[in-house]
Amino acid sequence: MFLLSDLKQTRVYQDAKQEGRQEGEEAGEVRLVLRLLSKRFGKIGDRRIEVINGLTLEQLDDLGDALLDFGNITDLDNWLRSSIGE
């Protein structure tokens, strides 16, 4: 009989668990960055939100650091263009 404990030992289960963990981390980082940007600049346009949602975890970390130095929303636009070719 195949038990849950057996399933948890499989490579597929471990890979899926890791992928889920990473997706959750990315979603949390997106929420944090969007909250910080909204607090600083007000409403963030849908297009900007869409682009930010597509960033990798590394890019989100970089954006989180960079946004501390942004003086206005144009700085965000410039960062997105230079960082992801937007």
N, C-alpha and C. Protein backbone atom coordinates (compact mmCIF):
# COMPACT_ATOMS: atom_id res chain seq x y z
N MET A 1 0.84 -1.18 0.00
CA MET A 1 0.00 0.00 0.00
C MET A 1 0.89 1.24 0.00
N PHE A 2 0.51 2.22 -0.78
CA PHE A 2 1.27 3.47 -0.94
C PHE A 2 0.73 4.49 0.06
N LEU A 3 1.54 4.90 1.02
CA LEU A 3 1.13 5.81 2.07
C LEU A 3 1.55 7.24 1.77
N LEU A 4 0.93 8.18 2.47
CA LEU A 4 1.29 9.58 2.30
C LEU A 4 2.75 9.81 2.62
N SER A 5 3.25 9.15 3.62
CA SER A 5 4.67 9.30 3.97
C SER A 5 5.57 8.83 2.82
N ASP A 6 5.13 7.82 2.08
CA ASP A 6 5.87 7.36 0.91
C ASP A 6 5.85 8.41 -0.19
N LEU A 7 4.67 8.99 -0.39
CA LEU A 7 4.52 10.02 -1.40
C LEU A 7 5.42 11.22 -1.12
N LYS A 8 5.50 11.60 0.15
CA LYS A 8 6.31 12.77 0.53
C LYS A 8 7.80 12.56 0.27
N GLN A 9 8.20 11.35 0.09
CA GLN A 9 9.61 11.06 -0.16
C GLN A 9 9.96 11.10 -1.65
N THR A 10 8.95 11.21 -2.50
CA THR A 10 9.22 11.18 -3.94
C THR A 10 9.78 12.51 -4.43
N ARG A 11 10.51 12.45 -5.49
CA ARG A 11 11.12 13.64 -6.11
C ARG A 11 10.03 14.58 -6.61
N VAL A 12 8.98 14.04 -7.19
CA VAL A 12 7.88 14.86 -7.72
C VAL A 12 7.25 15.67 -6.60
N TYR A 13 6.99 15.03 -5.47
CA TYR A 13 6.39 15.72 -4.33
C TYR A 13 7.33 16.82 -3.83
N GLN A 14 8.60 16.51 -3.68
CA GLN A 14 9.56 17.49 -3.19
C GLN A 14 9.68 18.68 -4.14
N ASP A 15 9.71 18.41 -5.44
CA ASP A 15 9.77 19.48 -6.44
C ASP A 15 8.53 20.36 -6.38
N ALA A 16 7.35 19.74 -6.28
CA ALA A 16 6.10 20.49 -6.23
C ALA A 16 6.04 21.34 -4.95
N LYS A 17 6.49 20.78 -3.86
CA LYS A 17 6.51 21.51 -2.60
C LYS A 17 7.43 22.73 -2.69
N GLN A 18 8.60 22.55 -3.26
CA GLN A 18 9.55 23.66 -3.43
C GLN A 18 8.98 24.73 -4.36
N GLU A 19 8.36 24.29 -5.45
CA GLU A 19 7.77 25.24 -6.40
C GLU A 19 6.65 26.04 -5.73
N GLY A 20 5.83 25.38 -4.95
CA GLY A 20 4.76 26.07 -4.23
C GLY A 20 5.31 27.07 -3.23
N ARG A 21 6.37 26.70 -2.56
CA ARG A 21 6.99 27.59 -1.60
C ARG A 21 7.53 28.84 -2.30
N GLN A 22 8.19 28.64 -3.45
CA GLN A 22 8.74 29.77 -4.21
C GLN A 22 7.63 30.67 -4.74
N GLU A 23 6.56 30.09 -5.24
CA GLU A 23 5.44 30.90 -5.74
C GLU A 23 4.82 31.72 -4.62
N GLY A 24 4.70 31.13 -3.44
CA GLY A 24 4.17 31.85 -2.30
C GLY A 24 5.07 33.00 -1.89
N GLU A 25 6.38 32.76 -1.93
CA GLU A 25 7.34 33.82 -1.59
C GLU A 25 7.25 34.96 -2.60
N GLU A 26 7.16 34.63 -3.88
CA GLU A 26 7.05 35.66 -4.91
C GLU A 26 5.76 36.47 -4.74
N ALA A 27 4.66 35.79 -4.46
CA ALA A 27 3.38 36.49 -4.29
C ALA A 27 3.45 37.45 -3.10
N GLY A 28 4.07 37.02 -2.02
CA GLY A 28 4.22 37.88 -0.86
C GLY A 28 5.10 39.08 -1.15
N GLU A 29 6.16 38.85 -1.89
CA GLU A 29 7.06 39.95 -2.25
C GLU A 29 6.36 40.95 -3.17
N VAL A 30 5.57 40.46 -4.11
CA VAL A 30 4.81 41.36 -4.99
C VAL A 30 3.87 42.22 -4.17
N ARG A 31 3.14 41.60 -3.24
CA ARG A 31 2.21 42.35 -2.40
C ARG A 31 2.94 43.43 -1.60
N LEU A 32 4.09 43.10 -1.05
CA LEU A 32 4.84 44.06 -0.25
C LEU A 32 5.33 45.23 -1.11
N VAL A 33 5.91 44.93 -2.26
CA VAL A 33 6.41 45.98 -3.15
C VAL A 33 5.27 46.88 -3.61
N LEU A 34 4.15 46.30 -3.99
CA LEU A 34 3.01 47.11 -4.44
C LEU A 34 2.46 47.98 -3.31
N ARG A 35 2.42 47.42 -2.11
CA ARG A 35 1.97 48.20 -0.96
C ARG A 35 2.89 49.39 -0.69
N LEU A 36 4.19 49.14 -0.74
CA LEU A 36 5.15 50.22 -0.50
C LEU A 36 5.06 51.29 -1.59
N LEU A 37 4.95 50.86 -2.84
CA LEU A 37 4.83 51.83 -3.93
C LEU A 37 3.54 52.63 -3.81
N SER A 38 2.44 51.98 -3.47
CA SER A 38 1.17 52.68 -3.32
C SER A 38 1.21 53.67 -2.16
N LYS A 39 1.85 53.28 -1.10
CA LYS A 39 1.96 54.17 0.06
C LYS A 39 2.78 55.41 -0.30
N ARG A 40 3.78 55.21 -1.12
CA ARG A 40 4.68 56.31 -1.48
C ARG A 40 4.13 57.21 -2.57
N PHE A 41 3.48 56.60 -3.59
CA PHE A 41 3.09 57.36 -4.78
C PHE A 41 1.58 57.39 -5.04
N GLY A 42 0.79 56.74 -4.22
CA GLY A 42 -0.64 56.67 -4.49
C GLY A 42 -0.96 55.50 -5.41
N LYS A 43 -2.05 55.62 -6.14
CA LYS A 43 -2.50 54.53 -7.02
C LYS A 43 -1.43 54.20 -8.06
N ILE A 44 -1.15 52.93 -8.17
CA ILE A 44 -0.20 52.42 -9.15
C ILE A 44 -1.04 51.88 -10.31
N GLY A 45 -0.75 52.32 -11.52
CA GLY A 45 -1.55 51.92 -12.68
C GLY A 45 -1.53 50.43 -12.95
N ASP A 46 -2.59 49.96 -13.61
CA ASP A 46 -2.74 48.54 -13.92
C ASP A 46 -1.57 47.99 -14.72
N ARG A 47 -1.07 48.76 -15.66
CA ARG A 47 0.05 48.28 -16.48
C ARG A 47 1.30 48.07 -15.62
N ARG A 48 1.55 49.00 -14.71
CA ARG A 48 2.71 48.84 -13.81
C ARG A 48 2.53 47.61 -12.93
N ILE A 49 1.32 47.42 -12.42
CA ILE A 49 1.04 46.25 -11.58
C ILE A 49 1.26 44.97 -12.36
N GLU A 50 0.81 44.95 -13.59
CA GLU A 50 0.98 43.77 -14.45
C GLU A 50 2.46 43.46 -14.64
N VAL A 51 3.25 44.48 -14.90
CA VAL A 51 4.70 44.29 -15.10
C VAL A 51 5.35 43.79 -13.81
N ILE A 52 5.00 44.39 -12.70
CA ILE A 52 5.58 44.00 -11.41
C ILE A 52 5.20 42.56 -11.07
N ASN A 53 3.97 42.16 -11.39
CA ASN A 53 3.54 40.78 -11.16
C ASN A 53 4.36 39.77 -11.96
N GLY A 54 4.95 40.22 -13.06
CA GLY A 54 5.74 39.32 -13.90
C GLY A 54 7.22 39.26 -13.54
N LEU A 55 7.63 40.01 -12.53
CA LEU A 55 9.04 40.01 -12.14
C LEU A 55 9.44 38.73 -11.42
N THR A 56 10.70 38.37 -11.56
CA THR A 56 11.23 37.23 -10.82
C THR A 56 11.47 37.64 -9.37
N LEU A 57 11.73 36.67 -8.53
CA LEU A 57 11.99 36.96 -7.13
C LEU A 57 13.23 37.85 -6.99
N GLU A 58 14.24 37.59 -7.77
CA GLU A 58 15.46 38.41 -7.73
C GLU A 58 15.16 39.86 -8.16
N GLN A 59 14.37 40.02 -9.22
CA GLN A 59 14.00 41.36 -9.66
C GLN A 59 13.15 42.08 -8.61
N LEU A 60 12.26 41.34 -7.96
CA LEU A 60 11.43 41.93 -6.90
C LEU A 60 12.30 42.41 -5.74
N ASP A 61 13.31 41.62 -5.38
CA ASP A 61 14.24 42.04 -4.34
C ASP A 61 14.96 43.32 -4.74
N ASP A 62 15.42 43.36 -5.99
CA ASP A 62 16.11 44.54 -6.50
C ASP A 62 15.20 45.76 -6.49
N LEU A 63 13.95 45.57 -6.91
CA LEU A 63 12.99 46.66 -6.92
C LEU A 63 12.70 47.14 -5.50
N GLY A 64 12.58 46.20 -4.57
CA GLY A 64 12.35 46.56 -3.18
C GLY A 64 13.46 47.45 -2.63
N ASP A 65 14.69 47.17 -3.01
CA ASP A 65 15.81 48.01 -2.60
C ASP A 65 15.79 49.35 -3.32
N ALA A 66 15.54 49.31 -4.62
CA ALA A 66 15.60 50.53 -5.44
C ALA A 66 14.50 51.52 -5.08
N LEU A 67 13.32 51.02 -4.73
CA LEU A 67 12.20 51.94 -4.50
C LEU A 67 12.44 52.87 -3.31
N LEU A 68 13.37 52.51 -2.45
CA LEU A 68 13.71 53.39 -1.33
C LEU A 68 14.32 54.70 -1.81
N ASP A 69 14.92 54.67 -3.00
CA ASP A 69 15.56 55.86 -3.55
C ASP A 69 14.71 56.60 -4.57
N PHE A 70 13.53 56.06 -4.90
CA PHE A 70 12.68 56.71 -5.89
C PHE A 70 12.12 58.02 -5.33
N GLY A 71 12.21 59.08 -6.14
CA GLY A 71 11.64 60.36 -5.75
C GLY A 71 10.24 60.56 -6.30
N ASN A 72 9.94 59.87 -7.42
CA ASN A 72 8.62 59.99 -8.04
C ASN A 72 8.35 58.74 -8.86
N ILE A 73 7.14 58.67 -9.40
CA ILE A 73 6.71 57.47 -10.13
C ILE A 73 7.52 57.27 -11.41
N THR A 74 8.08 58.33 -11.94
CA THR A 74 8.92 58.22 -13.14
C THR A 74 10.16 57.38 -12.85
N ASP A 75 10.65 57.46 -11.62
CA ASP A 75 11.80 56.63 -11.25
C ASP A 75 11.45 55.15 -11.34
N LEU A 76 10.22 54.79 -10.96
CA LEU A 76 9.77 53.40 -11.11
C LEU A 76 9.74 53.02 -12.58
N ASP A 77 9.15 53.87 -13.41
CA ASP A 77 9.07 53.58 -14.84
C ASP A 77 10.47 53.39 -15.43
N ASN A 78 11.39 54.25 -15.05
CA ASN A 78 12.77 54.14 -15.55
C ASN A 78 13.42 52.85 -15.07
N TRP A 79 13.17 52.50 -13.81
CA TRP A 79 13.74 51.26 -13.28
C TRP A 79 13.20 50.05 -14.04
N LEU A 80 11.89 50.04 -14.27
CA LEU A 80 11.30 48.91 -15.00
C LEU A 80 11.86 48.81 -16.41
N ARG A 81 11.99 49.96 -17.08
CA ARG A 81 12.54 49.94 -18.43
C ARG A 81 13.97 49.42 -18.45
N SER A 82 14.79 49.91 -17.56
CA SER A 82 16.21 49.52 -17.56
C SER A 82 16.43 48.11 -17.04
N SER A 83 15.58 47.64 -16.16
CA SER A 83 15.78 46.34 -15.54
C SER A 83 15.19 45.18 -16.34
N ILE A 84 14.11 45.45 -17.05
CA ILE A 84 13.47 44.34 -17.78
C ILE A 84 13.21 44.67 -19.24
N GLY A 85 13.71 45.79 -19.69
CA GLY A 85 13.52 46.14 -21.08
C GLY A 85 12.12 46.58 -21.41
N GLU A 86 11.41 47.05 -20.43
CA GLU A 86 10.01 47.50 -20.59
C GLU A 86 9.96 48.80 -21.33
